[in-house]
Every structure is written in C-alpha cells, then in structure tokens.
Amino acid sequence: MTLIKNLDTPTLKTLYLSDLEKGQTAIMTGFDTSKCPDQNFAKDLKERLMEMGFEENRRIEVFEKGLFFGDPIAVRIGHMTIAMRKADARAVTIKLGASCLHES
C-alpha cells in the first residue's frame, strides 16, 4: 500500500514581523498578542501600534536590527521609520509575496 501526501492543503505557518531579516519587506495582516511575554503590556499594544501607522495591508520593511540578538528593530511603514522592541514585533502578523513590491 502506497501513501500519498495530500498536496491540496498546504501547511500555513503564521509569520511575524520579528521573523524578517534586515532589508526584507512584507505586508501586514493583523495582530496576535498571545505570544507577548508581558500580557498586561499587550492589552493595549494593538491600539498603540495602530496609532503609529500599523494597519492591515500596509507594506512594512525591516530597516535595521540591533547588534545584540537583533533587538531593537527599526521598521519602515510608508515614509515613517519606527523603532520597536523585538517582543512587540512578535505581535504583528505578516505575509510575504509579490504583493510586497507596492505600497498599498
């Protein structure tokens, strides 16, 4: 008996802004604060990030990473550059692909 792997249902892994390397771009898809180490701090993290311009379908580029463990990181959203902790970047979900070439 031969087993054939079902190729119709690819495994989708959630990607986070903290996963990107310097110079990589992605499209923001939302927020997931469940991985934040400080859940009290994470309660209003989504609102704070949205006030700084983090919106779904926006192009995000990792502009710079810190020398020690890549923390903090500097990201570019539109014409703004924002420095943030890597732990906070773990709350931003992203997708990669050809759509990352254009600002939405």
N, C-alpha and C. Protein backbone atom coordinates (compact mmCIF):
# COMPACT_ATOMS: atom_id res chain seq x y z
N MET A 1 0.84 -1.17 0.00
CA MET A 1 0.00 0.00 0.00
C MET A 1 0.89 1.24 0.00
N THR A 2 0.63 2.19 -0.90
CA THR A 2 1.40 3.42 -1.01
C THR A 2 0.57 4.58 -0.46
N LEU A 3 1.18 5.36 0.41
CA LEU A 3 0.51 6.54 0.94
C LEU A 3 0.96 7.76 0.15
N ILE A 4 -0.01 8.57 -0.24
CA ILE A 4 0.28 9.80 -0.99
C ILE A 4 -0.08 10.98 -0.11
N LYS A 5 0.86 11.89 0.04
CA LYS A 5 0.63 13.07 0.85
C LYS A 5 -0.34 14.00 0.12
N ASN A 6 -1.30 14.54 0.82
CA ASN A 6 -2.27 15.45 0.23
C ASN A 6 -1.60 16.81 0.00
N LEU A 7 -1.41 17.17 -1.25
CA LEU A 7 -0.76 18.43 -1.60
C LEU A 7 -1.75 19.57 -1.75
N ASP A 8 -3.04 19.28 -1.65
CA ASP A 8 -4.06 20.32 -1.81
C ASP A 8 -4.19 21.21 -0.58
N THR A 9 -3.72 20.78 0.55
CA THR A 9 -3.84 21.56 1.77
C THR A 9 -2.46 21.86 2.33
N PRO A 10 -1.85 22.96 1.86
CA PRO A 10 -0.51 23.30 2.35
C PRO A 10 -0.56 23.73 3.81
N THR A 11 0.53 23.47 4.51
CA THR A 11 0.63 23.89 5.89
C THR A 11 0.98 25.38 5.91
N LEU A 12 0.15 26.17 6.57
CA LEU A 12 0.39 27.60 6.65
C LEU A 12 0.98 27.93 8.01
N LYS A 13 2.13 28.55 8.00
CA LYS A 13 2.78 28.96 9.23
C LYS A 13 2.57 30.46 9.39
N THR A 14 2.15 30.88 10.56
CA THR A 14 1.99 32.30 10.81
C THR A 14 3.37 32.94 10.88
N LEU A 15 3.54 34.01 10.14
CA LEU A 15 4.79 34.76 10.16
C LEU A 15 4.60 36.05 10.94
N TYR A 16 5.65 36.46 11.62
CA TYR A 16 5.60 37.67 12.43
C TYR A 16 6.66 38.65 11.95
N LEU A 17 6.43 39.92 12.22
CA LEU A 17 7.38 40.96 11.83
C LEU A 17 8.76 40.67 12.39
N SER A 18 8.84 40.07 13.55
CA SER A 18 10.13 39.75 14.17
C SER A 18 10.90 38.67 13.39
N ASP A 19 10.22 37.95 12.49
CA ASP A 19 10.87 36.90 11.69
C ASP A 19 11.67 37.45 10.51
N LEU A 20 11.39 38.69 10.12
CA LEU A 20 12.06 39.25 8.94
C LEU A 20 13.51 39.63 9.24
N GLU A 21 14.32 39.55 8.21
CA GLU A 21 15.71 39.99 8.30
C GLU A 21 15.81 41.43 7.79
N LYS A 22 16.93 42.07 8.07
CA LYS A 22 17.17 43.43 7.61
C LYS A 22 17.02 43.50 6.09
N GLY A 23 16.24 44.46 5.62
CA GLY A 23 16.03 44.65 4.18
C GLY A 23 14.83 43.92 3.61
N GLN A 24 14.26 42.98 4.35
CA GLN A 24 13.10 42.25 3.85
C GLN A 24 11.83 43.08 4.04
N THR A 25 10.87 42.87 3.13
CA THR A 25 9.59 43.55 3.21
C THR A 25 8.46 42.52 3.28
N ALA A 26 7.34 42.97 3.78
CA ALA A 26 6.17 42.11 3.91
C ALA A 26 4.93 42.99 3.95
N ILE A 27 3.78 42.34 3.91
CA ILE A 27 2.50 43.02 4.06
C ILE A 27 1.94 42.64 5.42
N MET A 28 1.53 43.64 6.18
CA MET A 28 0.96 43.37 7.49
C MET A 28 -0.44 42.78 7.34
N THR A 29 -0.72 41.72 8.10
CA THR A 29 -2.03 41.07 8.02
C THR A 29 -2.85 41.22 9.29
N GLY A 30 -2.23 41.63 10.40
CA GLY A 30 -3.00 41.80 11.63
C GLY A 30 -2.13 41.74 12.86
N PHE A 31 -2.77 41.41 14.00
CA PHE A 31 -2.08 41.37 15.28
C PHE A 31 -2.37 40.05 15.98
N ASP A 32 -1.39 39.58 16.74
CA ASP A 32 -1.56 38.40 17.58
C ASP A 32 -0.72 38.61 18.84
N THR A 33 -1.33 39.12 19.88
CA THR A 33 -0.60 39.46 21.10
C THR A 33 -0.45 38.27 22.04
N SER A 34 -0.91 37.10 21.63
CA SER A 34 -0.84 35.93 22.52
C SER A 34 0.60 35.50 22.80
N LYS A 35 1.56 35.86 21.96
CA LYS A 35 2.96 35.46 22.15
C LYS A 35 3.77 36.51 22.92
N CYS A 36 3.15 37.61 23.30
CA CYS A 36 3.87 38.64 24.05
C CYS A 36 4.17 38.14 25.45
N PRO A 37 5.41 38.33 25.90
CA PRO A 37 5.78 37.82 27.21
C PRO A 37 5.06 38.53 28.36
N ASP A 38 4.72 39.79 28.20
CA ASP A 38 4.04 40.56 29.25
C ASP A 38 2.60 40.82 28.79
N GLN A 39 1.66 39.99 29.22
CA GLN A 39 0.27 40.11 28.76
C GLN A 39 -0.40 41.38 29.28
N ASN A 40 0.03 41.91 30.43
CA ASN A 40 -0.53 43.19 30.89
C ASN A 40 -0.17 44.31 29.93
N PHE A 41 1.08 44.30 29.45
CA PHE A 41 1.53 45.29 28.48
C PHE A 41 0.83 45.10 27.14
N ALA A 42 0.54 43.85 26.79
CA ALA A 42 -0.03 43.53 25.49
C ALA A 42 -1.49 43.92 25.35
N LYS A 43 -2.14 44.22 26.47
CA LYS A 43 -3.58 44.51 26.43
C LYS A 43 -3.93 45.63 25.45
N ASP A 44 -3.14 46.69 25.45
CA ASP A 44 -3.44 47.79 24.54
C ASP A 44 -2.36 47.98 23.46
N LEU A 45 -1.55 46.95 23.25
CA LEU A 45 -0.48 47.03 22.25
C LEU A 45 -1.04 47.26 20.85
N LYS A 46 -2.10 46.57 20.49
CA LYS A 46 -2.69 46.73 19.16
C LYS A 46 -3.08 48.19 18.91
N GLU A 47 -3.73 48.81 19.87
CA GLU A 47 -4.15 50.21 19.71
C GLU A 47 -2.96 51.15 19.58
N ARG A 48 -1.91 50.90 20.41
CA ARG A 48 -0.72 51.75 20.33
C ARG A 48 -0.04 51.62 18.97
N LEU A 49 0.07 50.38 18.47
CA LEU A 49 0.72 50.19 17.16
C LEU A 49 -0.13 50.80 16.04
N MET A 50 -1.44 50.69 16.12
CA MET A 50 -2.30 51.28 15.10
C MET A 50 -2.17 52.81 15.09
N GLU A 51 -1.99 53.41 16.26
CA GLU A 51 -1.79 54.86 16.33
C GLU A 51 -0.50 55.28 15.64
N MET A 52 0.49 54.38 15.60
CA MET A 52 1.76 54.68 14.95
C MET A 52 1.75 54.35 13.46
N GLY A 53 0.64 53.83 12.94
CA GLY A 53 0.56 53.57 11.50
C GLY A 53 0.54 52.11 11.10
N PHE A 54 0.54 51.20 12.05
CA PHE A 54 0.47 49.77 11.72
C PHE A 54 -0.97 49.43 11.36
N GLU A 55 -1.22 49.22 10.08
CA GLU A 55 -2.55 48.89 9.59
C GLU A 55 -2.46 47.69 8.67
N GLU A 56 -3.54 46.91 8.62
CA GLU A 56 -3.57 45.76 7.73
C GLU A 56 -3.36 46.20 6.29
N ASN A 57 -2.68 45.35 5.53
CA ASN A 57 -2.37 45.55 4.10
C ASN A 57 -1.36 46.67 3.85
N ARG A 58 -0.66 47.13 4.87
CA ARG A 58 0.41 48.11 4.68
C ARG A 58 1.72 47.37 4.47
N ARG A 59 2.57 47.92 3.63
CA ARG A 59 3.89 47.36 3.38
C ARG A 59 4.80 47.76 4.52
N ILE A 60 5.55 46.79 5.05
CA ILE A 60 6.48 47.02 6.14
C ILE A 60 7.85 46.49 5.73
N GLU A 61 8.88 47.29 5.99
CA GLU A 61 10.26 46.86 5.71
C GLU A 61 11.06 46.92 6.99
N VAL A 62 11.85 45.89 7.24
CA VAL A 62 12.78 45.93 8.36
C VAL A 62 14.00 46.71 7.88
N PHE A 63 14.16 47.89 8.44
CA PHE A 63 15.19 48.82 8.01
C PHE A 63 16.52 48.54 8.70
N GLU A 64 16.47 48.17 9.98
CA GLU A 64 17.69 47.94 10.75
C GLU A 64 17.38 47.01 11.91
N LYS A 65 18.38 46.25 12.35
CA LYS A 65 18.25 45.40 13.54
C LYS A 65 19.40 45.70 14.48
N GLY A 66 19.11 45.65 15.77
CA GLY A 66 20.13 45.90 16.79
C GLY A 66 21.25 44.88 16.75
N LEU A 67 22.39 45.24 17.31
CA LEU A 67 23.56 44.37 17.29
C LEU A 67 23.40 43.13 18.17
N PHE A 68 22.68 43.26 19.27
CA PHE A 68 22.57 42.18 20.23
C PHE A 68 21.23 41.47 20.08
N PHE A 69 21.27 40.29 19.50
CA PHE A 69 20.08 39.46 19.29
C PHE A 69 19.03 40.12 18.40
N GLY A 70 19.43 41.11 17.59
CA GLY A 70 18.52 41.77 16.67
C GLY A 70 17.48 42.63 17.36
N ASP A 71 17.80 43.14 18.54
CA ASP A 71 16.83 43.91 19.32
C ASP A 71 17.47 45.23 19.73
N PRO A 72 16.81 46.36 19.52
CA PRO A 72 15.50 46.56 18.90
C PRO A 72 15.60 46.51 17.38
N ILE A 73 14.45 46.64 16.72
CA ILE A 73 14.44 46.70 15.26
C ILE A 73 13.83 48.03 14.82
N ALA A 74 14.25 48.48 13.66
CA ALA A 74 13.67 49.69 13.06
C ALA A 74 12.91 49.23 11.82
N VAL A 75 11.64 49.62 11.74
CA VAL A 75 10.81 49.24 10.60
C VAL A 75 10.34 50.50 9.89
N ARG A 76 10.16 50.35 8.59
CA ARG A 76 9.66 51.44 7.77
C ARG A 76 8.23 51.13 7.34
N ILE A 77 7.34 52.04 7.65
CA ILE A 77 5.95 51.94 7.21
C ILE A 77 5.65 53.23 6.46
N GLY A 78 5.43 53.12 5.16
CA GLY A 78 5.26 54.32 4.36
C GLY A 78 6.54 55.14 4.40
N HIS A 79 6.43 56.39 4.87
CA HIS A 79 7.59 57.28 4.95
C HIS A 79 8.12 57.41 6.37
N MET A 80 7.57 56.61 7.30
CA MET A 80 8.00 56.68 8.70
C MET A 80 8.95 55.53 9.03
N THR A 81 9.90 55.82 9.91
CA THR A 81 10.75 54.77 10.47
C THR A 81 10.47 54.72 11.96
N ILE A 82 10.13 53.53 12.44
CA ILE A 82 9.74 53.35 13.84
C ILE A 82 10.63 52.30 14.47
N ALA A 83 11.20 52.62 15.63
CA ALA A 83 11.99 51.65 16.39
C ALA A 83 11.06 50.94 17.36
N MET A 84 11.21 49.63 17.46
CA MET A 84 10.37 48.86 18.36
C MET A 84 11.11 47.67 18.92
N ARG A 85 10.64 47.20 20.07
CA ARG A 85 11.23 46.01 20.66
C ARG A 85 10.87 44.79 19.82
N LYS A 86 11.76 43.83 19.78
CA LYS A 86 11.51 42.60 19.04
C LYS A 86 10.29 41.87 19.62
N ALA A 87 10.09 41.95 20.93
CA ALA A 87 8.93 41.32 21.57
C ALA A 87 7.63 41.93 21.04
N ASP A 88 7.61 43.24 20.79
CA ASP A 88 6.42 43.88 20.24
C ASP A 88 6.23 43.50 18.77
N ALA A 89 7.33 43.32 18.05
CA ALA A 89 7.25 42.92 16.64
C ALA A 89 6.67 41.51 16.50
N ARG A 90 6.78 40.70 17.54
CA ARG A 90 6.18 39.36 17.51
C ARG A 90 4.66 39.40 17.53
N ALA A 91 4.08 40.55 17.82
CA ALA A 91 2.62 40.68 17.85
C ALA A 91 2.05 41.09 16.49
N VAL A 92 2.91 41.42 15.52
CA VAL A 92 2.46 41.87 14.20
C VAL A 92 2.57 40.71 13.22
N THR A 93 1.43 40.27 12.69
CA THR A 93 1.43 39.17 11.72
C THR A 93 1.61 39.74 10.32
N ILE A 94 2.32 38.96 9.48
CA ILE A 94 2.67 39.43 8.13
C ILE A 94 2.47 38.31 7.12
N LYS A 95 2.54 38.70 5.85
CA LYS A 95 2.61 37.73 4.76
C LYS A 95 3.68 38.21 3.79
N LEU A 96 4.32 37.25 3.16
CA LEU A 96 5.35 37.53 2.15
C LEU A 96 4.75 37.29 0.78
N GLY A 97 5.39 37.83 -0.25
CA GLY A 97 4.94 37.54 -1.61
C GLY A 97 5.15 38.71 -2.54
N ALA A 98 4.71 38.52 -3.78
CA ALA A 98 4.88 39.53 -4.82
C ALA A 98 4.16 40.83 -4.47
N SER A 99 3.10 40.74 -3.67
CA SER A 99 2.35 41.94 -3.32
C SER A 99 3.15 42.88 -2.45
N CYS A 100 4.32 42.45 -1.98
CA CYS A 100 5.15 43.29 -1.13
C CYS A 100 5.90 44.35 -1.93
N LEU A 101 5.81 44.30 -3.23
CA LEU A 101 6.57 45.23 -4.06
C LEU A 101 5.95 46.63 -4.11
N HIS A 102 4.68 46.75 -3.78
CA HIS A 102 3.98 48.03 -3.90
C HIS A 102 3.37 48.45 -2.58
N GLU A 103 3.42 49.74 -2.31
CA GLU A 103 2.78 50.31 -1.13
C GLU A 103 1.28 50.33 -1.35
N SER A 104 0.50 49.88 -0.37
CA SER A 104 -0.95 49.91 -0.51
C SER A 104 -1.53 51.16 0.09
